[in-house]
Amino acid sequence: MYVSEQEVRAVLTYETLISAILQALIDYSAGRVQQPPRMILRAGNADDHRNGWFGVMPVVSGDVMGVKTVTFYPANDELGLHTHMAIIALIRRATGEPLAVMDGRLITEMRTAAVSAVAFSGIAPLHFDTAPTSFGILGSGVQARAHIEALKHVWPEMRDIRVSSRNASNAARLAEETNARAVAAEEAGAADVVLTATTSPVPVLKGSWLKPNALVIAVGASGASLRELDDDAMLSSYVVAEGRACVERESGDVLLSGAKVQAEIGEILADPSIARIPRDQRVVFKSVGMAIEDITAARLVWMSIASRTAEQ
């Protein structure tokens, strides 16, 4: 069975994905997921910023196994193409039978935002005395839009959405379409909750802009030599990782600043009573993307399509 992006879009919703991702992150932190390190190969298609990479992400979890192959070509937006594209193969764990091959671009988009929504729902009640209301976004691409949509499912108090981007016209367009405001980076960085969703290789968020108890959700610039947050932002924060080993291996924000990961989100979700999330310090949630999230979303898609097929 091949599942196109159009078919994925027709059946995958944030309502089901967020709850499934929450359990997947708990399972990952509890050691119930087999997930080796992501393997990345440079495409060698160019000697400059156009050079892309090809990643392979296998995982075994629950009743399925699978692998995502993903590409990232940073110059694709200049060609009117998506910068990230992917294919996911889903396999039955009990027998090794192939279940489906599906387009993974939208799954990657949605699972990234769903992970952030899950992290927000786990961290915010422990961190803020009262529900935050302002949301600052650095970046105006696919992930900026996806995060606004996903976070609305877990953050009804969100009122003031601020968008900043190096591309002012993109920021203005996104702001108009999402009832947000296009602002300078400093104003976006001064919100209660700040999202960094860029491909910048150098910091775009300064610690000096942040509120003393800001929550930062950092999802862009995945790579050991890339970073979105400066040293002040990282070293003044309590750092929560999507997956400790993954972030410590692949996040330039952590590696280049020398910041220490102090908790894993799955641990916090499993038992909030043991979490030590500070109320008087900044918190950074850093994610780099994990195969367990892709397979969790792919399984939801496959189950929905299989159920509809059986009813026909």
C-alpha atoms as a PDB file:
ATOM      1  CA  MET A   1       0.000   0.000   0.000  1.00  0.00           C
ATOM      2  CA  TYR A   2       1.368   3.426  -0.974  1.00  0.00           C
ATOM      3  CA  VAL A   3      -0.087   6.390   0.909  1.00  0.00           C
ATOM      4  CA  SER A   4       0.282   9.815  -0.676  1.00  0.00           C
ATOM      5  CA  GLU A   5       0.569  13.105   1.184  1.00  0.00           C
ATOM      6  CA  GLN A   6      -3.006  13.907   0.168  1.00  0.00           C
ATOM      7  CA  GLU A   7      -4.202  10.682   1.805  1.00  0.00           C
ATOM      8  CA  VAL A   8      -2.138  11.394   4.933  1.00  0.00           C
ATOM      9  CA  ARG A   9      -3.701  14.850   5.183  1.00  0.00           C
ATOM     10  CA  ALA A  10      -7.190  13.368   4.931  1.00  0.00           C
ATOM     11  CA  VAL A  11      -6.805  11.107   7.982  1.00  0.00           C
ATOM     12  CA  LEU A  12      -4.096  12.471  10.294  1.00  0.00           C
ATOM     13  CA  THR A  13      -5.320  14.970  12.883  1.00  0.00           C
ATOM     14  CA  TYR A  14      -3.628  16.763  15.757  1.00  0.00           C
ATOM     15  CA  GLU A  15      -6.306  15.474  18.147  1.00  0.00           C
ATOM     16  CA  THR A  16      -5.201  11.864  17.693  1.00  0.00           C
ATOM     17  CA  LEU A  17      -1.546  12.593  16.968  1.00  0.00           C
ATOM     18  CA  ILE A  18      -0.858  14.616  20.120  1.00  0.00           C
ATOM     19  CA  SER A  19      -2.167  11.910  22.431  1.00  0.00           C
ATOM     20  CA  ALA A  20      -0.278   9.193  20.531  1.00  0.00           C
ATOM     21  CA  ILE A  21       2.970  11.194  20.614  1.00  0.00           C
ATOM     22  CA  LEU A  22       2.580  11.721  24.358  1.00  0.00           C
ATOM     23  CA  GLN A  23       2.519   7.973  24.947  1.00  0.00           C
ATOM     24  CA  ALA A  24       5.356   7.393  22.474  1.00  0.00           C
ATOM     25  CA  LEU A  25       7.625   9.829  24.343  1.00  0.00           C
ATOM     26  CA  ILE A  26       6.810   8.138  27.643  1.00  0.00           C
ATOM     27  CA  ASP A  27       7.619   4.748  26.079  1.00  0.00           C
ATOM     28  CA  TYR A  28      10.896   6.092  24.691  1.00  0.00           C
ATOM     29  CA  SER A  29      12.059   7.400  28.056  1.00  0.00           C
ATOM     30  CA  ALA A  30      10.997   4.133  29.721  1.00  0.00           C
ATOM     31  CA  GLY A  31      13.257   2.131  27.402  1.00  0.00           C
ATOM     32  CA  ARG A  32      10.454   0.422  25.499  1.00  0.00           C
ATOM     33  CA  VAL A  33      11.646   1.704  22.106  1.00  0.00           C
ATOM     34  CA  GLN A  34      14.552   0.408  20.020  1.00  0.00           C
ATOM     35  CA  GLN A  35      15.926   3.427  18.163  1.00  0.00           C
ATOM     36  CA  PRO A  36      19.535   3.536  16.947  1.00  0.00           C
ATOM     37  CA  PRO A  37      21.198   6.860  16.130  1.00  0.00           C
ATOM     38  CA  ARG A  38      20.098   8.572  12.941  1.00  0.00           C
ATOM     39  CA  MET A  39      22.541   8.026  10.075  1.00  0.00           C
ATOM     40  CA  ILE A  40      23.145  11.074   7.887  1.00  0.00           C
ATOM     41  CA  LEU A  41      24.943  11.211   4.552  1.00  0.00           C
ATOM     42  CA  ARG A  42      25.806  14.375   2.671  1.00  0.00           C
ATOM     43  CA  ALA A  43      24.291  14.416  -0.811  1.00  0.00           C
ATOM     44  CA  GLY A  44      27.302  16.101  -2.396  1.00  0.00           C
ATOM     45  CA  ASN A  45      25.092  17.883  -4.902  1.00  0.00           C
ATOM     46  CA  ALA A  46      26.855  21.219  -4.368  1.00  0.00           C
ATOM     47  CA  ASP A  47      29.818  22.791  -2.594  1.00  0.00           C
ATOM     48  CA  ASP A  48      27.855  25.599  -0.968  1.00  0.00           C
ATOM     49  CA  HIS A  49      24.610  26.100   0.967  1.00  0.00           C
ATOM     50  CA  ARG A  50      22.740  24.039  -1.616  1.00  0.00           C
ATOM     51  CA  ASN A  51      24.407  20.839  -0.416  1.00  0.00           C
ATOM     52  CA  GLY A  52      21.704  18.586   0.989  1.00  0.00           C
ATOM     53  CA  TRP A  53      21.721  15.605   3.296  1.00  0.00           C
ATOM     54  CA  PHE A  54      20.026  12.237   3.426  1.00  0.00           C
ATOM     55  CA  GLY A  55      19.018  10.697   6.744  1.00  0.00           C
ATOM     56  CA  VAL A  56      17.982   7.154   7.667  1.00  0.00           C
ATOM     57  CA  MET A  57      15.934   6.663  10.851  1.00  0.00           C
ATOM     58  CA  PRO A  58      14.956   3.087  11.877  1.00  0.00           C
ATOM     59  CA  VAL A  59      12.890   2.162  14.935  1.00  0.00           C
ATOM     60  CA  VAL A  60      11.067  -0.750  16.586  1.00  0.00           C
ATOM     61  CA  SER A  61       8.134   0.047  18.875  1.00  0.00           C
ATOM     62  CA  GLY A  62       4.999  -1.763  19.963  1.00  0.00           C
ATOM     63  CA  ASP A  63       3.500  -3.857  17.179  1.00  0.00           C
ATOM     64  CA  VAL A  64       5.351  -2.147  14.325  1.00  0.00           C
ATOM     65  CA  MET A  65       8.793  -1.463  12.956  1.00  0.00           C
ATOM     66  CA  GLY A  66       9.793   1.021  10.344  1.00  0.00           C
ATOM     67  CA  VAL A  67      12.269   3.369   8.800  1.00  0.00           C
ATOM     68  CA  LYS A  68      12.057   6.947   7.631  1.00  0.00           C
ATOM     69  CA  THR A  69      14.351   8.219   4.930  1.00  0.00           C
ATOM     70  CA  VAL A  70      14.435  12.002   4.975  1.00  0.00           C
ATOM     71  CA  THR A  71      16.201  14.630   2.898  1.00  0.00           C
ATOM     72  CA  PHE A  72      16.982  18.234   3.713  1.00  0.00           C
ATOM     73  CA  TYR A  73      17.990  20.597   0.917  1.00  0.00           C
ATOM     74  CA  PRO A  74      18.223  24.130   2.355  1.00  0.00           C
ATOM     75  CA  ALA A  75      18.164  25.829  -1.047  1.00  0.00           C
ATOM     76  CA  ASN A  76      14.987  24.118  -2.218  1.00  0.00           C
ATOM     77  CA  ASP A  77      12.843  27.077  -1.205  1.00  0.00           C
ATOM     78  CA  GLU A  78      14.614  29.055  -3.928  1.00  0.00           C
ATOM     79  CA  LEU A  79      13.240  26.501  -6.382  1.00  0.00           C
ATOM     80  CA  GLY A  80       9.731  26.518  -4.970  1.00  0.00           C
ATOM     81  CA  LEU A  81      10.238  23.075  -3.389  1.00  0.00           C
ATOM     82  CA  HIS A  82       9.946  21.857   0.195  1.00  0.00           C
ATOM     83  CA  THR A  83      13.282  21.821   2.014  1.00  0.00           C
ATOM     84  CA  HIS A  84      12.360  18.594   3.848  1.00  0.00           C
ATOM     85  CA  MET A  85      10.985  15.530   2.075  1.00  0.00           C
ATOM     86  CA  ALA A  86      10.601  11.990   3.357  1.00  0.00           C
ATOM     87  CA  ILE A  87       9.353   8.445   2.817  1.00  0.00           C
ATOM     88  CA  ILE A  88       8.261   6.135   5.664  1.00  0.00           C
ATOM     89  CA  ALA A  89       8.103   2.343   5.426  1.00  0.00           C
ATOM     90  CA  LEU A  90       5.877   0.661   8.034  1.00  0.00           C
ATOM     91  CA  ILE A  91       6.345  -3.050   8.874  1.00  0.00           C
ATOM     92  CA  ARG A  92       4.417  -5.491  11.058  1.00  0.00           C
ATOM     93  CA  ARG A  93       6.695  -6.457  13.949  1.00  0.00           C
ATOM     94  CA  ALA A  94       5.235  -9.946  14.513  1.00  0.00           C
ATOM     95  CA  THR A  95       5.831 -11.198  10.974  1.00  0.00           C
ATOM     96  CA  GLY A  96       8.004  -8.683   9.137  1.00  0.00           C
ATOM     97  CA  GLU A  97       5.221  -8.027   6.608  1.00  0.00           C
ATOM     98  CA  PRO A  98       5.318  -4.655   4.854  1.00  0.00           C
ATOM     99  CA  LEU A  99       2.183  -2.733   5.793  1.00  0.00           C
ATOM    100  CA  ALA A 100       2.581   0.543   3.936  1.00  0.00           C
ATOM    101  CA  VAL A 101       4.959   2.968   2.314  1.00  0.00           C
ATOM    102  CA  MET A 102       3.871   6.546   2.715  1.00  0.00           C
ATOM    103  CA  ASP A 103       4.934  10.069   1.947  1.00  0.00           C
ATOM    104  CA  GLY A 104       6.546  11.422   5.092  1.00  0.00           C
ATOM    105  CA  ARG A 105       6.743  15.158   4.455  1.00  0.00           C
ATOM    106  CA  LEU A 106       3.460  16.094   6.131  1.00  0.00           C
ATOM    107  CA  ILE A 107       4.026  13.516   8.866  1.00  0.00           C
ATOM    108  CA  THR A 108       7.376  15.163   9.656  1.00  0.00           C
ATOM    109  CA  GLU A 109       5.711  18.571   9.735  1.00  0.00           C
ATOM    110  CA  MET A 110       2.853  17.500  11.989  1.00  0.00           C
ATOM    111  CA  ARG A 111       4.766  15.247  14.381  1.00  0.00           C
ATOM    112  CA  THR A 112       7.331  17.991  15.043  1.00  0.00           C
ATOM    113  CA  ALA A 113       4.594  20.412  16.056  1.00  0.00           C
ATOM    114  CA  ALA A 114       2.758  17.691  17.989  1.00  0.00           C
ATOM    115  CA  VAL A 115       5.900  16.949  20.025  1.00  0.00           C
ATOM    116  CA  SER A 116       6.127  20.627  20.934  1.00  0.00           C
ATOM    117  CA  ALA A 117       2.454  20.655  21.909  1.00  0.00           C
ATOM    118  CA  VAL A 118       3.001  17.642  24.146  1.00  0.00           C
ATOM    119  CA  ALA A 119       6.084  19.268  25.687  1.00  0.00           C
ATOM    120  CA  PHE A 120       4.170  22.478  26.322  1.00  0.00           C
ATOM    121  CA  SER A 121       1.318  20.599  27.982  1.00  0.00           C
ATOM    122  CA  GLY A 122       3.783  18.799  30.245  1.00  0.00           C
ATOM    123  CA  ILE A 123       6.044  21.729  31.127  1.00  0.00           C
ATOM    124  CA  ALA A 124       3.795  24.805  31.239  1.00  0.00           C
ATOM    125  CA  PRO A 125       1.640  23.811  34.260  1.00  0.00           C
ATOM    126  CA  LEU A 126       4.796  23.057  36.252  1.00  0.00           C
ATOM    127  CA  HIS A 127       6.616  26.196  35.129  1.00  0.00           C
ATOM    128  CA  PHE A 128       4.130  29.076  35.026  1.00  0.00           C
ATOM    129  CA  ASP A 129       2.158  30.370  38.013  1.00  0.00           C
ATOM    130  CA  THR A 130      -0.634  31.377  35.638  1.00  0.00           C
ATOM    131  CA  ALA A 131      -1.260  30.296  32.058  1.00  0.00           C
ATOM    132  CA  PRO A 132       0.944  32.186  29.569  1.00  0.00           C
ATOM    133  CA  THR A 133      -0.779  34.241  26.884  1.00  0.00           C
ATOM    134  CA  SER A 134       1.891  35.496  24.467  1.00  0.00           C
ATOM    135  CA  PHE A 135       3.604  33.364  21.821  1.00  0.00           C
ATOM    136  CA  GLY A 136       6.643  34.635  19.925  1.00  0.00           C
ATOM    137  CA  ILE A 137       7.837  32.861  16.788  1.00  0.00           C
ATOM    138  CA  LEU A 138      11.210  33.260  15.105  1.00  0.00           C
ATOM    139  CA  GLY A 139      10.681  31.856  11.633  1.00  0.00           C
ATOM    140  CA  SER A 140       7.779  32.026   9.188  1.00  0.00           C
ATOM    141  CA  GLY A 141       7.906  28.719   7.349  1.00  0.00           C
ATOM    142  CA  VAL A 142       6.112  25.401   7.551  1.00  0.00           C
ATOM    143  CA  GLN A 143       6.933  24.774  11.211  1.00  0.00           C
ATOM    144  CA  ALA A 144       5.826  28.228  12.346  1.00  0.00           C
ATOM    145  CA  ARG A 145       2.378  27.643  10.873  1.00  0.00           C
ATOM    146  CA  ALA A 146       2.167  24.042  12.108  1.00  0.00           C
ATOM    147  CA  HIS A 147       3.063  25.044  15.662  1.00  0.00           C
ATOM    148  CA  ILE A 148       0.343  27.682  15.822  1.00  0.00           C
ATOM    149  CA  GLU A 149      -2.195  25.055  14.797  1.00  0.00           C
ATOM    150  CA  ALA A 150      -0.887  22.290  17.075  1.00  0.00           C
ATOM    151  CA  LEU A 151      -0.442  24.456  20.166  1.00  0.00           C
ATOM    152  CA  LYS A 152      -4.006  25.722  19.962  1.00  0.00           C
ATOM    153  CA  HIS A 153      -5.099  22.199  20.899  1.00  0.00           C
ATOM    154  CA  VAL A 154      -3.310  22.378  24.269  1.00  0.00           C
ATOM    155  CA  TRP A 155      -3.053  26.118  24.899  1.00  0.00           C
ATOM    156  CA  PRO A 156      -6.472  27.808  24.777  1.00  0.00           C
ATOM    157  CA  GLU A 157      -5.115  30.884  26.582  1.00  0.00           C
ATOM    158  CA  MET A 158      -2.860  31.805  23.637  1.00  0.00           C
ATOM    159  CA  ARG A 159      -3.853  35.344  22.678  1.00  0.00           C
ATOM    160  CA  ASP A 160      -0.912  37.387  21.448  1.00  0.00           C
ATOM    161  CA  ILE A 161       0.940  35.691  18.567  1.00  0.00           C
ATOM    162  CA  ARG A 162       4.064  37.509  17.374  1.00  0.00           C
ATOM    163  CA  VAL A 163       5.910  36.472  14.200  1.00  0.00           C
ATOM    164  CA  SER A 164       9.412  37.546  13.238  1.00  0.00           C
ATOM    165  CA  SER A 165      11.397  36.422  10.214  1.00  0.00           C
ATOM    166  CA  ARG A 166      14.387  37.487   8.163  1.00  0.00           C
ATOM    167  CA  ASN A 167      11.873  37.476   5.288  1.00  0.00           C
ATOM    168  CA  ALA A 168       9.550  40.329   6.249  1.00  0.00           C
ATOM    169  CA  SER A 169       6.982  39.560   3.561  1.00  0.00           C
ATOM    170  CA  ASN A 170       6.684  35.942   4.735  1.00  0.00           C
ATOM    171  CA  ALA A 171       6.228  37.108   8.323  1.00  0.00           C
ATOM    172  CA  ALA A 172       3.539  39.573   7.268  1.00  0.00           C
ATOM    173  CA  ARG A 173       1.723  36.913   5.250  1.00  0.00           C
ATOM    174  CA  LEU A 174       1.769  34.378   8.081  1.00  0.00           C
ATOM    175  CA  ALA A 175       0.638  37.012  10.574  1.00  0.00           C
ATOM    176  CA  GLU A 176      -2.294  38.002   8.394  1.00  0.00           C
ATOM    177  CA  GLU A 177      -3.368  34.388   7.874  1.00  0.00           C
ATOM    178  CA  THR A 178      -3.140  33.383  11.553  1.00  0.00           C
ATOM    179  CA  ASN A 179      -4.415  36.481  13.349  1.00  0.00           C
ATOM    180  CA  ALA A 180      -0.889  37.270  14.546  1.00  0.00           C
ATOM    181  CA  ARG A 181       1.366  40.335  14.477  1.00  0.00           C
ATOM    182  CA  ALA A 182       4.557  40.694  12.439  1.00  0.00           C
ATOM    183  CA  VAL A 183       7.159  42.152  14.805  1.00  0.00           C
ATOM    184  CA  ALA A 184      10.886  42.622  15.295  1.00  0.00           C
ATOM    185  CA  ALA A 185      12.875  39.684  16.605  1.00  0.00           C
ATOM    186  CA  GLU A 186      13.350  41.345  19.997  1.00  0.00           C
ATOM    187  CA  GLU A 187       9.580  41.631  20.524  1.00  0.00           C
ATOM    188  CA  ALA A 188       8.982  38.021  19.506  1.00  0.00           C
ATOM    189  CA  GLY A 189      11.756  36.965  21.866  1.00  0.00           C
ATOM    190  CA  ALA A 190      10.125  38.801  24.764  1.00  0.00           C
ATOM    191  CA  ALA A 191       6.947  36.661  24.721  1.00  0.00           C
ATOM    192  CA  ASP A 192       5.974  34.208  27.462  1.00  0.00           C
ATOM    193  CA  VAL A 193       6.605  31.258  25.130  1.00  0.00           C
ATOM    194  CA  VAL A 194       9.103  31.538  22.279  1.00  0.00           C
ATOM    195  CA  LEU A 195       9.447  29.165  19.323  1.00  0.00           C
ATOM    196  CA  THR A 196      12.599  29.039  17.216  1.00  0.00           C
ATOM    197  CA  ALA A 197      11.872  27.305  13.912  1.00  0.00           C
ATOM    198  CA  THR A 198      14.561  28.403  11.478  1.00  0.00           C
ATOM    199  CA  THR A 199      17.340  26.888   9.414  1.00  0.00           C
ATOM    200  CA  SER A 200      19.821  29.473  10.632  1.00  0.00           C
ATOM    201  CA  PRO A 201      23.334  28.140  11.399  1.00  0.00           C
ATOM    202  CA  VAL A 202      23.929  30.967  13.892  1.00  0.00           C
ATOM    203  CA  PRO A 203      21.875  32.174  16.883  1.00  0.00           C
ATOM    204  CA  VAL A 204      18.659  34.050  16.100  1.00  0.00           C
ATOM    205  CA  LEU A 205      17.430  34.287  19.717  1.00  0.00           C
ATOM    206  CA  LYS A 206      19.365  36.196  22.358  1.00  0.00           C
ATOM    207  CA  GLY A 207      19.036  35.493  26.051  1.00  0.00           C
ATOM    208  CA  SER A 208      18.896  39.224  26.717  1.00  0.00           C
ATOM    209  CA  TRP A 209      15.502  39.359  24.953  1.00  0.00           C
ATOM    210  CA  LEU A 210      13.920  36.611  27.039  1.00  0.00           C
ATOM    211  CA  LYS A 211      11.720  37.035  30.076  1.00  0.00           C
ATOM    212  CA  PRO A 212      13.252  35.675  33.305  1.00  0.00           C
ATOM    213  CA  ASN A 213      10.852  32.713  33.240  1.00  0.00           C
ATOM    214  CA  ALA A 214      10.312  32.287  29.488  1.00  0.00           C
ATOM    215  CA  LEU A 215       9.636  28.884  27.963  1.00  0.00           C
ATOM    216  CA  VAL A 216      11.600  28.388  24.742  1.00  0.00           C
ATOM    217  CA  ILE A 217      10.677  25.653  22.270  1.00  0.00           C
ATOM    218  CA  ALA A 218      13.653  25.142  19.940  1.00  0.00           C
ATOM    219  CA  VAL A 219      12.931  22.904  16.945  1.00  0.00           C
ATOM    220  CA  GLY A 220      15.071  24.281  14.109  1.00  0.00           C
ATOM    221  CA  ALA A 221      18.728  24.162  13.134  1.00  0.00           C
ATOM    222  CA  SER A 222      19.159  20.433  13.768  1.00  0.00           C
ATOM    223  CA  GLY A 223      22.821  19.571  13.510  1.00  0.00           C
ATOM    224  CA  ALA A 224      25.859  19.517  15.746  1.00  0.00           C
ATOM    225  CA  SER A 225      27.332  22.630  14.116  1.00  0.00           C
ATOM    226  CA  LEU A 226      24.106  24.663  13.896  1.00  0.00           C
ATOM    227  CA  ARG A 227      22.353  26.682  16.575  1.00  0.00           C
ATOM    228  CA  GLU A 228      19.427  29.065  17.071  1.00  0.00           C
ATOM    229  CA  LEU A 229      20.008  30.169  20.692  1.00  0.00           C
ATOM    230  CA  ASP A 230      23.005  32.106  21.987  1.00  0.00           C
ATOM    231  CA  ASP A 231      25.048  31.089  25.037  1.00  0.00           C
ATOM    232  CA  ASP A 232      23.099  33.393  27.338  1.00  0.00           C
ATOM    233  CA  ALA A 233      19.785  31.807  26.362  1.00  0.00           C
ATOM    234  CA  MET A 234      21.099  28.271  26.777  1.00  0.00           C
ATOM    235  CA  LEU A 235      23.207  28.680  29.911  1.00  0.00           C
ATOM    236  CA  SER A 236      20.534  30.624  31.799  1.00  0.00           C
ATOM    237  CA  SER A 237      17.933  27.908  31.167  1.00  0.00           C
ATOM    238  CA  TYR A 238      16.815  24.569  32.537  1.00  0.00           C
ATOM    239  CA  VAL A 239      17.147  22.323  29.469  1.00  0.00           C
ATOM    240  CA  VAL A 240      14.591  19.621  28.705  1.00  0.00           C
ATOM    241  CA  ALA A 241      15.338  17.267  25.813  1.00  0.00           C
ATOM    242  CA  GLU A 242      12.973  15.405  23.543  1.00  0.00           C
ATOM    243  CA  GLY A 243      15.446  12.530  23.792  1.00  0.00           C
ATOM    244  CA  ARG A 244      18.584  13.049  25.875  1.00  0.00           C
ATOM    245  CA  ALA A 245      20.957  10.966  23.727  1.00  0.00           C
ATOM    246  CA  CYS A 246      19.638  12.445  20.483  1.00  0.00           C
ATOM    247  CA  VAL A 247      19.908  16.048  21.629  1.00  0.00           C
ATOM    248  CA  GLU A 248      23.335  15.575  23.195  1.00  0.00           C
ATOM    249  CA  ARG A 249      24.549  14.033  19.948  1.00  0.00           C
ATOM    250  CA  GLU A 250      22.871  16.252  17.341  1.00  0.00           C
ATOM    251  CA  SER A 251      22.024  19.662  18.809  1.00  0.00           C
ATOM    252  CA  GLY A 252      24.459  22.482  18.234  1.00  0.00           C
ATOM    253  CA  ASP A 253      22.490  24.571  20.716  1.00  0.00           C
ATOM    254  CA  VAL A 254      23.578  22.143  23.439  1.00  0.00           C
ATOM    255  CA  LEU A 255      26.992  21.098  22.134  1.00  0.00           C
ATOM    256  CA  LEU A 256      28.308  24.550  21.219  1.00  0.00           C
ATOM    257  CA  SER A 257      27.071  26.282  24.373  1.00  0.00           C
ATOM    258  CA  GLY A 258      28.141  23.588  26.809  1.00  0.00           C
ATOM    259  CA  ALA A 259      24.654  23.536  28.342  1.00  0.00           C
ATOM    260  CA  LYS A 260      23.569  20.399  30.189  1.00  0.00           C
ATOM    261  CA  VAL A 261      20.379  18.476  29.549  1.00  0.00           C
ATOM    262  CA  GLN A 262      18.634  18.239  32.902  1.00  0.00           C
ATOM    263  CA  ALA A 263      15.528  16.227  32.023  1.00  0.00           C
ATOM    264  CA  GLU A 264      13.854  14.259  29.270  1.00  0.00           C
ATOM    265  CA  ILE A 265      10.277  15.150  28.383  1.00  0.00           C
ATOM    266  CA  GLY A 266       9.078  11.525  28.565  1.00  0.00           C
ATOM    267  CA  GLU A 267      10.247  11.324  32.171  1.00  0.00           C
ATOM    268  CA  ILE A 268       8.294  14.458  33.043  1.00  0.00           C
ATOM    269  CA  LEU A 269       5.177  13.230  31.265  1.00  0.00           C
ATOM    270  CA  ALA A 270       5.341   9.848  33.009  1.00  0.00           C
ATOM    271  CA  ASP A 271       5.551  11.335  36.508  1.00  0.00           C
ATOM    272  CA  PRO A 272       5.137  15.110  36.844  1.00  0.00           C
ATOM    273  CA  SER A 273       5.521  14.790  40.627  1.00  0.00           C
ATOM    274  CA  ILE A 274       9.232  14.056  40.302  1.00  0.00           C
ATOM    275  CA  ALA A 275       9.925  16.812  37.775  1.00  0.00           C
ATOM    276  CA  ARG A 276      12.032  19.715  38.956  1.00  0.00           C
ATOM    277  CA  ILE A 277      10.872  22.273  36.432  1.00  0.00           C
ATOM    278  CA  PRO A 278      11.745  25.688  37.902  1.00  0.00           C
ATOM    279  CA  ARG A 279       9.223  28.508  38.138  1.00  0.00           C
ATOM    280  CA  ASP A 280      11.858  31.233  38.514  1.00  0.00           C
ATOM    281  CA  GLN A 281      14.192  30.270  35.673  1.00  0.00           C
ATOM    282  CA  ARG A 282      13.934  29.987  31.914  1.00  0.00           C
ATOM    283  CA  VAL A 283      13.193  26.596  30.409  1.00  0.00           C
ATOM    284  CA  VAL A 284      14.377  25.440  26.988  1.00  0.00           C
ATOM    285  CA  PHE A 285      12.744  22.431  25.345  1.00  0.00           C
ATOM    286  CA  LYS A 286      15.020  21.182  22.571  1.00  0.00           C
ATOM    287  CA  SER A 287      13.940  18.675  19.936  1.00  0.00           C
ATOM    288  CA  VAL A 288      15.798  17.296  16.925  1.00  0.00           C
ATOM    289  CA  GLY A 289      13.191  14.802  15.694  1.00  0.00           C
ATOM    290  CA  MET A 290      13.068  11.075  16.434  1.00  0.00           C
ATOM    291  CA  ALA A 291      12.022   8.027  14.435  1.00  0.00           C
ATOM    292  CA  ILE A 292       9.578   6.905  17.128  1.00  0.00           C
ATOM    293  CA  GLU A 293       7.505  10.008  16.389  1.00  0.00           C
ATOM    294  CA  ASP A 294       7.391   9.290  12.658  1.00  0.00           C
ATOM    295  CA  ILE A 295       6.405   5.658  13.136  1.00  0.00           C
ATOM    296  CA  THR A 296       3.759   6.632  15.680  1.00  0.00           C
ATOM    297  CA  ALA A 297       2.180   8.998  13.158  1.00  0.00           C
ATOM    298  CA  ALA A 298       2.546   6.505  10.292  1.00  0.00           C
ATOM    299  CA  ARG A 299       0.811   3.818  12.348  1.00  0.00           C
ATOM    300  CA  LEU A 300      -2.124   6.164  12.974  1.00  0.00           C
ATOM    301  CA  VAL A 301      -2.405   6.822   9.233  1.00  0.00           C
ATOM    302  CA  TRP A 302      -2.213   3.129   8.358  1.00  0.00           C
ATOM    303  CA  MET A 303      -4.770   2.127  10.987  1.00  0.00           C
ATOM    304  CA  SER A 304      -7.215   4.783   9.811  1.00  0.00           C
ATOM    305  CA  ILE A 305      -6.915   3.803   6.156  1.00  0.00           C
ATOM    306  CA  ALA A 306      -7.056   0.070   6.949  1.00  0.00           C
ATOM    307  CA  SER A 307     -10.199   0.618   9.031  1.00  0.00           C
ATOM    308  CA  ARG A 308     -11.905   2.568   6.254  1.00  0.00           C
ATOM    309  CA  THR A 309     -10.963  -0.093   3.715  1.00  0.00           C
ATOM    310  CA  ALA A 310     -12.398  -2.846   5.903  1.00  0.00           C
ATOM    311  CA  GLU A 311     -15.700  -0.999   6.198  1.00  0.00           C
ATOM    312  CA  GLN A 312     -16.120  -0.722   2.434  1.00  0.00           C
END
